[in-house]
Amino acid sequence: MPAAYEVYALSPGGRTVDWSTRLYLHPAGDTMTSAYFLWLLRGPAGPILVDTGFTHRLGRAKGVAVERLRTREALLDAAGVDPREVTTVLLTHLHWDHFDLEGFLPNAVFWVQRGELEFWTSGDGATDPWIRRFLSDCFDRDLETIRSDGRLRILDGPAVPAAGVRLEPVGGHSPGMQVVVVDSSRGPFVIANDALTTYRNLREWAPPAIHLNSIAECLRAMARIKELCDGDEQRLSPGHDGEVWTKFPEVAPGVYRLA
């Protein structure tokens, strides 16, 4: 049996948005706190990050009030992690708030699904200006940096980047969206990320409002996530739900112990 991992959500903060941006076809006028996250796994393989978060520079360019947000460097410091010691980063997908480097994590290898990468480099996401709004403005440069350094691991389906950590592609929100399943003391813990932006997606069986593939694929992803965590919200972290801040203990500023 692999050793259990500790699972942490690192949150720079969030902003108020309309629920219609999180629940497909939800009536406008009802607001929620949309949180930002990256995740930290502590276990025998050393610190593993799920996604990278984003710089304040990029957040400002995307219209986020960054003066209210913690930096990702401050979050890692609060968790006792030196970014230079991180050698594994699991990219759930490549949207700007989940993949933005700008020199961050210089020694890490990045794991991503081929379908996600190809969509943004040779598919519709490479050419359509409306779709490319989901990317960082330095996406091409960041990708070329890790590719030329030999730090890009391209996957074709499920993978085990470390004993006790599994990746499973589910699509929906983004073509190569993958979830992370972690062996924890609570049992399998699922970092669903934007395949499930909020707990209400499952509770009300409503797909995420953003789905670059299809609604049906989103619903299949939701069903799989529910199966993986046995429907237990204490073993599940969605991608942008401020409820995480109250559901789990904050053990350091912006650092929440999930499992």
C-alpha atoms as a PDB file:
ATOM      1  CA  MET A   1       0.000   0.000   0.000  1.00  0.00           C
ATOM      2  CA  PRO A   2       1.437   3.426  -0.941  1.00  0.00           C
ATOM      3  CA  ALA A   3       1.816   5.950   1.841  1.00  0.00           C
ATOM      4  CA  ALA A   4      -1.064   8.382   2.280  1.00  0.00           C
ATOM      5  CA  TYR A   5      -0.560  11.924   1.031  1.00  0.00           C
ATOM      6  CA  GLU A   6      -1.470  15.127   2.760  1.00  0.00           C
ATOM      7  CA  VAL A   7      -3.567  17.315   0.454  1.00  0.00           C
ATOM      8  CA  TYR A   8      -3.662  21.111   0.694  1.00  0.00           C
ATOM      9  CA  ALA A   9      -5.496  23.793  -1.242  1.00  0.00           C
ATOM     10  CA  LEU A  10      -3.472  26.981  -1.597  1.00  0.00           C
ATOM     11  CA  SER A  11      -5.775  29.922  -2.212  1.00  0.00           C
ATOM     12  CA  PRO A  12      -4.639  33.442  -3.136  1.00  0.00           C
ATOM     13  CA  GLY A  13      -8.209  34.632  -2.586  1.00  0.00           C
ATOM     14  CA  GLY A  14     -11.204  35.112  -4.826  1.00  0.00           C
ATOM     15  CA  ARG A  15     -13.811  37.486  -6.167  1.00  0.00           C
ATOM     16  CA  THR A  16     -17.586  37.832  -6.323  1.00  0.00           C
ATOM     17  CA  VAL A  17     -19.162  36.522  -9.518  1.00  0.00           C
ATOM     18  CA  ASP A  18     -22.642  35.632 -10.683  1.00  0.00           C
ATOM     19  CA  TRP A  19     -23.657  32.012 -10.214  1.00  0.00           C
ATOM     20  CA  SER A  20     -24.500  31.948 -13.930  1.00  0.00           C
ATOM     21  CA  THR A  21     -20.730  31.920 -14.583  1.00  0.00           C
ATOM     22  CA  ARG A  22     -20.423  28.678 -12.622  1.00  0.00           C
ATOM     23  CA  LEU A  23     -23.721  26.822 -13.236  1.00  0.00           C
ATOM     24  CA  TYR A  24     -24.839  26.392 -16.838  1.00  0.00           C
ATOM     25  CA  LEU A  25     -28.150  28.192 -17.588  1.00  0.00           C
ATOM     26  CA  HIS A  26     -28.516  29.382 -13.999  1.00  0.00           C
ATOM     27  CA  PRO A  27     -30.578  32.611 -13.851  1.00  0.00           C
ATOM     28  CA  ALA A  28     -28.485  35.763 -13.485  1.00  0.00           C
ATOM     29  CA  GLY A  29     -28.630  37.884 -10.342  1.00  0.00           C
ATOM     30  CA  ASP A  30     -27.428  35.406  -7.701  1.00  0.00           C
ATOM     31  CA  THR A  31     -23.794  35.841  -6.644  1.00  0.00           C
ATOM     32  CA  MET A  32     -21.140  33.607  -5.083  1.00  0.00           C
ATOM     33  CA  THR A  33     -17.497  33.789  -4.024  1.00  0.00           C
ATOM     34  CA  SER A  34     -15.355  32.324  -6.757  1.00  0.00           C
ATOM     35  CA  ALA A  35     -12.025  31.254  -5.277  1.00  0.00           C
ATOM     36  CA  TYR A  36      -8.696  30.635  -6.975  1.00  0.00           C
ATOM     37  CA  PHE A  37      -6.564  27.622  -6.063  1.00  0.00           C
ATOM     38  CA  LEU A  38      -3.516  25.582  -6.712  1.00  0.00           C
ATOM     39  CA  TRP A  39      -3.005  22.384  -4.747  1.00  0.00           C
ATOM     40  CA  LEU A  40      -0.080  20.864  -2.851  1.00  0.00           C
ATOM     41  CA  LEU A  41       0.471  17.160  -2.213  1.00  0.00           C
ATOM     42  CA  ARG A  42       2.893  16.109   0.507  1.00  0.00           C
ATOM     43  CA  GLY A  43       4.075  12.529   0.420  1.00  0.00           C
ATOM     44  CA  PRO A  44       6.966  10.174  -0.282  1.00  0.00           C
ATOM     45  CA  ALA A  45       7.597  11.682  -3.741  1.00  0.00           C
ATOM     46  CA  GLY A  46       8.259  15.114  -2.234  1.00  0.00           C
ATOM     47  CA  PRO A  47       6.078  18.172  -2.812  1.00  0.00           C
ATOM     48  CA  ILE A  48       3.840  17.839  -5.870  1.00  0.00           C
ATOM     49  CA  LEU A  49       1.832  20.765  -7.198  1.00  0.00           C
ATOM     50  CA  VAL A  50      -1.445  20.545  -9.048  1.00  0.00           C
ATOM     51  CA  ASP A  51      -1.525  23.556 -11.407  1.00  0.00           C
ATOM     52  CA  THR A  52       0.588  26.692 -11.039  1.00  0.00           C
ATOM     53  CA  GLY A  53      -1.728  29.554 -10.176  1.00  0.00           C
ATOM     54  CA  PHE A  54      -0.963  32.882 -11.858  1.00  0.00           C
ATOM     55  CA  THR A  55       1.100  36.042 -11.418  1.00  0.00           C
ATOM     56  CA  HIS A  56      -0.388  39.299 -10.221  1.00  0.00           C
ATOM     57  CA  ARG A  57       0.695  40.794 -13.543  1.00  0.00           C
ATOM     58  CA  LEU A  58      -1.482  38.332 -15.465  1.00  0.00           C
ATOM     59  CA  GLY A  59      -4.365  38.652 -13.021  1.00  0.00           C
ATOM     60  CA  ARG A  60      -4.326  42.420 -13.514  1.00  0.00           C
ATOM     61  CA  ALA A  61      -4.364  41.928 -17.297  1.00  0.00           C
ATOM     62  CA  LYS A  62      -7.383  39.637 -16.909  1.00  0.00           C
ATOM     63  CA  GLY A  63      -9.267  42.190 -14.805  1.00  0.00           C
ATOM     64  CA  VAL A  64      -8.741  40.560 -11.397  1.00  0.00           C
ATOM     65  CA  ALA A  65      -8.325  42.851  -8.364  1.00  0.00           C
ATOM     66  CA  VAL A  66      -4.918  41.409  -7.544  1.00  0.00           C
ATOM     67  CA  GLU A  67      -4.243  43.808  -4.676  1.00  0.00           C
ATOM     68  CA  ARG A  68      -6.587  41.604  -2.654  1.00  0.00           C
ATOM     69  CA  LEU A  69      -4.789  38.388  -3.558  1.00  0.00           C
ATOM     70  CA  ARG A  70      -1.843  36.570  -2.015  1.00  0.00           C
ATOM     71  CA  THR A  71       0.984  35.656  -4.369  1.00  0.00           C
ATOM     72  CA  ARG A  72       1.646  32.020  -5.136  1.00  0.00           C
ATOM     73  CA  GLU A  73       5.179  32.456  -3.778  1.00  0.00           C
ATOM     74  CA  ALA A  74       3.718  33.632  -0.448  1.00  0.00           C
ATOM     75  CA  LEU A  75       1.365  30.638  -0.385  1.00  0.00           C
ATOM     76  CA  LEU A  76       4.169  28.152  -0.962  1.00  0.00           C
ATOM     77  CA  ASP A  77       6.263  29.886   1.689  1.00  0.00           C
ATOM     78  CA  ALA A  78       3.366  29.617   4.146  1.00  0.00           C
ATOM     79  CA  ALA A  79       3.195  25.899   3.336  1.00  0.00           C
ATOM     80  CA  GLY A  80       6.947  25.520   3.864  1.00  0.00           C
ATOM     81  CA  VAL A  81       7.793  24.783   0.232  1.00  0.00           C
ATOM     82  CA  ASP A  82      10.596  26.311  -1.846  1.00  0.00           C
ATOM     83  CA  PRO A  83       9.419  26.578  -5.499  1.00  0.00           C
ATOM     84  CA  ARG A  84      12.877  25.416  -6.626  1.00  0.00           C
ATOM     85  CA  GLU A  85      12.334  22.106  -4.777  1.00  0.00           C
ATOM     86  CA  VAL A  86       9.167  21.267  -6.733  1.00  0.00           C
ATOM     87  CA  THR A  87       9.986  18.703  -9.419  1.00  0.00           C
ATOM     88  CA  THR A  88       6.473  17.561 -10.384  1.00  0.00           C
ATOM     89  CA  VAL A  89       3.521  19.690 -11.501  1.00  0.00           C
ATOM     90  CA  LEU A  90       0.271  18.068 -12.636  1.00  0.00           C
ATOM     91  CA  LEU A  91      -1.590  20.343 -15.042  1.00  0.00           C
ATOM     92  CA  THR A  92      -5.309  19.669 -14.953  1.00  0.00           C
ATOM     93  CA  HIS A  93      -5.726  21.945 -18.004  1.00  0.00           C
ATOM     94  CA  LEU A  94      -4.044  24.952 -19.554  1.00  0.00           C
ATOM     95  CA  HIS A  95      -6.354  27.905 -18.873  1.00  0.00           C
ATOM     96  CA  TRP A  96      -4.619  31.074 -17.687  1.00  0.00           C
ATOM     97  CA  ASP A  97      -5.453  30.738 -13.987  1.00  0.00           C
ATOM     98  CA  HIS A  98      -4.054  27.187 -13.926  1.00  0.00           C
ATOM     99  CA  PHE A  99      -0.979  27.461 -16.155  1.00  0.00           C
ATOM    100  CA  ASP A 100       1.158  30.597 -15.946  1.00  0.00           C
ATOM    101  CA  LEU A 101       4.898  30.301 -15.345  1.00  0.00           C
ATOM    102  CA  GLU A 102       6.916  33.436 -16.135  1.00  0.00           C
ATOM    103  CA  GLY A 103       9.996  31.827 -14.573  1.00  0.00           C
ATOM    104  CA  PHE A 104       8.118  30.066 -11.752  1.00  0.00           C
ATOM    105  CA  LEU A 105       9.026  26.460 -10.800  1.00  0.00           C
ATOM    106  CA  PRO A 106      12.297  26.269 -12.774  1.00  0.00           C
ATOM    107  CA  ASN A 107      13.056  22.638 -11.893  1.00  0.00           C
ATOM    108  CA  ALA A 108       9.628  21.065 -12.365  1.00  0.00           C
ATOM    109  CA  VAL A 109       8.427  18.579 -14.950  1.00  0.00           C
ATOM    110  CA  PHE A 110       4.886  19.321 -16.152  1.00  0.00           C
ATOM    111  CA  TRP A 111       2.358  16.553 -16.881  1.00  0.00           C
ATOM    112  CA  VAL A 112      -0.419  17.348 -19.358  1.00  0.00           C
ATOM    113  CA  GLN A 113      -2.797  15.404 -21.588  1.00  0.00           C
ATOM    114  CA  ARG A 114      -1.973  15.356 -25.305  1.00  0.00           C
ATOM    115  CA  GLY A 115      -5.560  16.297 -26.182  1.00  0.00           C
ATOM    116  CA  GLU A 116      -5.290  19.459 -24.077  1.00  0.00           C
ATOM    117  CA  LEU A 117      -1.943  20.437 -25.529  1.00  0.00           C
ATOM    118  CA  GLU A 118      -2.944  19.825 -29.139  1.00  0.00           C
ATOM    119  CA  PHE A 119      -6.203  21.763 -28.784  1.00  0.00           C
ATOM    120  CA  TRP A 120      -4.251  24.876 -27.777  1.00  0.00           C
ATOM    121  CA  THR A 121      -1.333  24.445 -30.178  1.00  0.00           C
ATOM    122  CA  SER A 122      -2.855  23.035 -33.371  1.00  0.00           C
ATOM    123  CA  GLY A 123      -6.626  22.891 -32.867  1.00  0.00           C
ATOM    124  CA  ASP A 124      -9.330  25.540 -32.514  1.00  0.00           C
ATOM    125  CA  GLY A 125      -7.636  26.921 -29.424  1.00  0.00           C
ATOM    126  CA  ALA A 126      -4.597  27.805 -31.503  1.00  0.00           C
ATOM    127  CA  THR A 127      -6.424  30.092 -33.920  1.00  0.00           C
ATOM    128  CA  ASP A 128      -9.755  31.337 -32.616  1.00  0.00           C
ATOM    129  CA  PRO A 129      -9.283  34.660 -30.776  1.00  0.00           C
ATOM    130  CA  TRP A 130     -12.382  34.216 -28.597  1.00  0.00           C
ATOM    131  CA  ILE A 131     -11.234  30.799 -27.363  1.00  0.00           C
ATOM    132  CA  ARG A 132      -7.691  32.022 -26.742  1.00  0.00           C
ATOM    133  CA  ARG A 133      -9.017  34.389 -24.099  1.00  0.00           C
ATOM    134  CA  PHE A 134      -8.752  31.377 -21.769  1.00  0.00           C
ATOM    135  CA  LEU A 135      -4.942  31.328 -22.096  1.00  0.00           C
ATOM    136  CA  SER A 136      -2.199  33.353 -20.476  1.00  0.00           C
ATOM    137  CA  ASP A 137      -0.703  36.047 -22.696  1.00  0.00           C
ATOM    138  CA  CYS A 138       2.658  34.289 -22.238  1.00  0.00           C
ATOM    139  CA  PHE A 139       1.327  30.794 -22.922  1.00  0.00           C
ATOM    140  CA  ASP A 140       3.433  30.191 -26.033  1.00  0.00           C
ATOM    141  CA  ARG A 141       6.634  31.369 -24.356  1.00  0.00           C
ATOM    142  CA  ASP A 142       6.025  29.324 -21.207  1.00  0.00           C
ATOM    143  CA  LEU A 143       5.240  26.213 -23.229  1.00  0.00           C
ATOM    144  CA  GLU A 144       8.332  26.602 -25.395  1.00  0.00           C
ATOM    145  CA  THR A 145      10.495  27.043 -22.292  1.00  0.00           C
ATOM    146  CA  ILE A 146       9.469  23.786 -20.650  1.00  0.00           C
ATOM    147  CA  ARG A 147       9.423  21.919 -23.960  1.00  0.00           C
ATOM    148  CA  SER A 148      12.934  23.011 -24.927  1.00  0.00           C
ATOM    149  CA  ASP A 149      14.173  22.224 -21.405  1.00  0.00           C
ATOM    150  CA  GLY A 150      12.812  18.674 -21.660  1.00  0.00           C
ATOM    151  CA  ARG A 151      10.394  19.367 -18.800  1.00  0.00           C
ATOM    152  CA  LEU A 152       7.113  18.536 -20.569  1.00  0.00           C
ATOM    153  CA  ARG A 153       5.530  15.108 -20.060  1.00  0.00           C
ATOM    154  CA  ILE A 154       2.725  14.488 -22.582  1.00  0.00           C
ATOM    155  CA  LEU A 155       0.136  11.869 -21.634  1.00  0.00           C
ATOM    156  CA  ASP A 156      -2.256   9.754 -23.657  1.00  0.00           C
ATOM    157  CA  GLY A 157      -4.796   8.728 -21.050  1.00  0.00           C
ATOM    158  CA  PRO A 158      -4.594   7.758 -17.377  1.00  0.00           C
ATOM    159  CA  ALA A 159      -1.200   7.926 -15.684  1.00  0.00           C
ATOM    160  CA  VAL A 160       0.485   7.425 -12.321  1.00  0.00           C
ATOM    161  CA  PRO A 161       3.058  10.198 -11.852  1.00  0.00           C
ATOM    162  CA  ALA A 162       3.912   8.920  -8.357  1.00  0.00           C
ATOM    163  CA  ALA A 163       2.815   5.990  -6.218  1.00  0.00           C
ATOM    164  CA  GLY A 164      -0.516   6.969  -4.674  1.00  0.00           C
ATOM    165  CA  VAL A 165      -1.282   9.703  -7.223  1.00  0.00           C
ATOM    166  CA  ARG A 166      -3.363   9.047 -10.356  1.00  0.00           C
ATOM    167  CA  LEU A 167      -4.359  11.209 -13.303  1.00  0.00           C
ATOM    168  CA  GLU A 168      -7.565  10.532 -15.204  1.00  0.00           C
ATOM    169  CA  PRO A 169      -8.681  12.526 -18.269  1.00  0.00           C
ATOM    170  CA  VAL A 170     -12.362  13.498 -18.236  1.00  0.00           C
ATOM    171  CA  GLY A 171     -12.668  16.400 -20.721  1.00  0.00           C
ATOM    172  CA  GLY A 172     -15.711  18.651 -20.739  1.00  0.00           C
ATOM    173  CA  HIS A 173     -14.549  21.981 -19.358  1.00  0.00           C
ATOM    174  CA  SER A 174     -11.460  21.817 -21.586  1.00  0.00           C
ATOM    175  CA  PRO A 175     -10.652  19.131 -24.187  1.00  0.00           C
ATOM    176  CA  GLY A 176      -7.839  17.489 -22.202  1.00  0.00           C
ATOM    177  CA  MET A 177      -9.132  18.234 -18.715  1.00  0.00           C
ATOM    178  CA  GLN A 178      -7.823  15.699 -16.186  1.00  0.00           C
ATOM    179  CA  VAL A 179      -8.615  15.116 -12.528  1.00  0.00           C
ATOM    180  CA  VAL A 180      -6.154  14.055  -9.830  1.00  0.00           C
ATOM    181  CA  VAL A 181      -6.929  11.178  -7.462  1.00  0.00           C
ATOM    182  CA  VAL A 182      -4.749  11.061  -4.354  1.00  0.00           C
ATOM    183  CA  ASP A 183      -4.417   8.315  -1.759  1.00  0.00           C
ATOM    184  CA  SER A 184      -5.046  10.079   1.544  1.00  0.00           C
ATOM    185  CA  SER A 185      -5.813   9.124   5.133  1.00  0.00           C
ATOM    186  CA  ARG A 186      -9.492   9.688   4.273  1.00  0.00           C
ATOM    187  CA  GLY A 187      -9.371   7.421   1.245  1.00  0.00           C
ATOM    188  CA  PRO A 188      -9.155   8.503  -2.407  1.00  0.00           C
ATOM    189  CA  PHE A 189      -9.289  12.300  -2.541  1.00  0.00           C
ATOM    190  CA  VAL A 190     -10.305  13.905  -5.837  1.00  0.00           C
ATOM    191  CA  ILE A 191      -8.994  17.240  -7.044  1.00  0.00           C
ATOM    192  CA  ALA A 192     -11.681  17.780  -9.640  1.00  0.00           C
ATOM    193  CA  ASN A 193     -10.651  21.289 -10.532  1.00  0.00           C
ATOM    194  CA  ASP A 194     -12.768  22.880 -13.269  1.00  0.00           C
ATOM    195  CA  ALA A 195     -14.369  19.624 -14.304  1.00  0.00           C
ATOM    196  CA  LEU A 196     -16.428  20.560 -11.252  1.00  0.00           C
ATOM    197  CA  THR A 197     -16.153  24.279 -10.511  1.00  0.00           C
ATOM    198  CA  THR A 198     -18.406  24.180  -7.411  1.00  0.00           C
ATOM    199  CA  TYR A 199     -20.051  21.692  -5.087  1.00  0.00           C
ATOM    200  CA  ARG A 200     -23.423  22.824  -6.433  1.00  0.00           C
ATOM    201  CA  ASN A 201     -22.588  21.324  -9.811  1.00  0.00           C
ATOM    202  CA  LEU A 202     -22.931  17.886  -8.210  1.00  0.00           C
ATOM    203  CA  ARG A 203     -25.615  18.752  -5.685  1.00  0.00           C
ATOM    204  CA  GLU A 204     -27.949  20.144  -8.335  1.00  0.00           C
ATOM    205  CA  TRP A 205     -26.595  18.095 -11.242  1.00  0.00           C
ATOM    206  CA  ALA A 206     -25.845  21.213 -13.291  1.00  0.00           C
ATOM    207  CA  PRO A 207     -22.789  21.262 -15.559  1.00  0.00           C
ATOM    208  CA  PRO A 208     -20.158  23.999 -15.300  1.00  0.00           C
ATOM    209  CA  ALA A 209     -21.031  27.142 -17.253  1.00  0.00           C
ATOM    210  CA  ILE A 210     -17.803  26.919 -19.270  1.00  0.00           C
ATOM    211  CA  HIS A 211     -17.417  23.782 -21.372  1.00  0.00           C
ATOM    212  CA  LEU A 212     -15.206  23.953 -24.447  1.00  0.00           C
ATOM    213  CA  ASN A 213     -16.175  20.414 -25.409  1.00  0.00           C
ATOM    214  CA  SER A 214     -19.757  19.363 -24.679  1.00  0.00           C
ATOM    215  CA  ILE A 215     -22.405  19.376 -21.985  1.00  0.00           C
ATOM    216  CA  ALA A 216     -22.734  15.605 -22.232  1.00  0.00           C
ATOM    217  CA  GLU A 217     -18.995  15.203 -21.648  1.00  0.00           C
ATOM    218  CA  CYS A 218     -19.225  17.522 -18.626  1.00  0.00           C
ATOM    219  CA  LEU A 219     -21.969  15.374 -17.157  1.00  0.00           C
ATOM    220  CA  ARG A 220     -19.994  12.185 -17.735  1.00  0.00           C
ATOM    221  CA  ALA A 221     -17.025  13.831 -16.000  1.00  0.00           C
ATOM    222  CA  MET A 222     -19.229  14.781 -13.050  1.00  0.00           C
ATOM    223  CA  ALA A 223     -20.527  11.225 -12.779  1.00  0.00           C
ATOM    224  CA  ARG A 224     -16.985   9.864 -12.779  1.00  0.00           C
ATOM    225  CA  ILE A 225     -15.862  12.353 -10.109  1.00  0.00           C
ATOM    226  CA  LYS A 226     -18.800  11.391  -7.914  1.00  0.00           C
ATOM    227  CA  GLU A 227     -17.868   7.729  -8.328  1.00  0.00           C
ATOM    228  CA  LEU A 228     -14.207   8.351  -7.501  1.00  0.00           C
ATOM    229  CA  CYS A 229     -14.966  10.062  -4.175  1.00  0.00           C
ATOM    230  CA  ASP A 230     -18.046   7.935  -3.385  1.00  0.00           C
ATOM    231  CA  GLY A 231     -20.111  11.121  -3.345  1.00  0.00           C
ATOM    232  CA  ASP A 232     -18.261  12.318  -0.237  1.00  0.00           C
ATOM    233  CA  GLU A 233     -17.707  16.087  -0.372  1.00  0.00           C
ATOM    234  CA  GLN A 234     -15.018  15.758   2.303  1.00  0.00           C
ATOM    235  CA  ARG A 235     -12.936  13.912  -0.297  1.00  0.00           C
ATOM    236  CA  LEU A 236     -13.482  16.386  -3.101  1.00  0.00           C
ATOM    237  CA  SER A 237     -12.105  19.770  -4.113  1.00  0.00           C
ATOM    238  CA  PRO A 238     -13.767  21.673  -6.959  1.00  0.00           C
ATOM    239  CA  GLY A 239     -11.924  24.311  -8.944  1.00  0.00           C
ATOM    240  CA  HIS A 240     -13.428  27.628  -7.834  1.00  0.00           C
ATOM    241  CA  ASP A 241     -15.685  27.242  -4.819  1.00  0.00           C
ATOM    242  CA  GLY A 242     -15.174  29.607  -1.867  1.00  0.00           C
ATOM    243  CA  GLU A 243     -16.980  27.017   0.253  1.00  0.00           C
ATOM    244  CA  VAL A 244     -13.616  25.231   0.480  1.00  0.00           C
ATOM    245  CA  TRP A 245     -12.543  28.062   2.820  1.00  0.00           C
ATOM    246  CA  THR A 246     -15.201  27.084   5.378  1.00  0.00           C
ATOM    247  CA  LYS A 247     -15.379  23.347   4.792  1.00  0.00           C
ATOM    248  CA  PHE A 248     -11.700  22.688   5.597  1.00  0.00           C
ATOM    249  CA  PRO A 249      -9.329  24.083   8.267  1.00  0.00           C
ATOM    250  CA  GLU A 250      -6.977  26.932   7.379  1.00  0.00           C
ATOM    251  CA  VAL A 251      -3.602  25.878   8.767  1.00  0.00           C
ATOM    252  CA  ALA A 252      -1.632  28.904   7.503  1.00  0.00           C
ATOM    253  CA  PRO A 253      -2.686  32.058   5.656  1.00  0.00           C
ATOM    254  CA  GLY A 254      -4.367  30.836   2.480  1.00  0.00           C
ATOM    255  CA  VAL A 255      -3.400  27.182   3.130  1.00  0.00           C
ATOM    256  CA  TYR A 256      -6.264  24.731   3.718  1.00  0.00           C
ATOM    257  CA  ARG A 257      -5.757  21.136   4.862  1.00  0.00           C
ATOM    258  CA  LEU A 258      -8.058  18.970   2.766  1.00  0.00           C
ATOM    259  CA  ALA A 259      -6.834  15.530   3.786  1.00  0.00           C
END
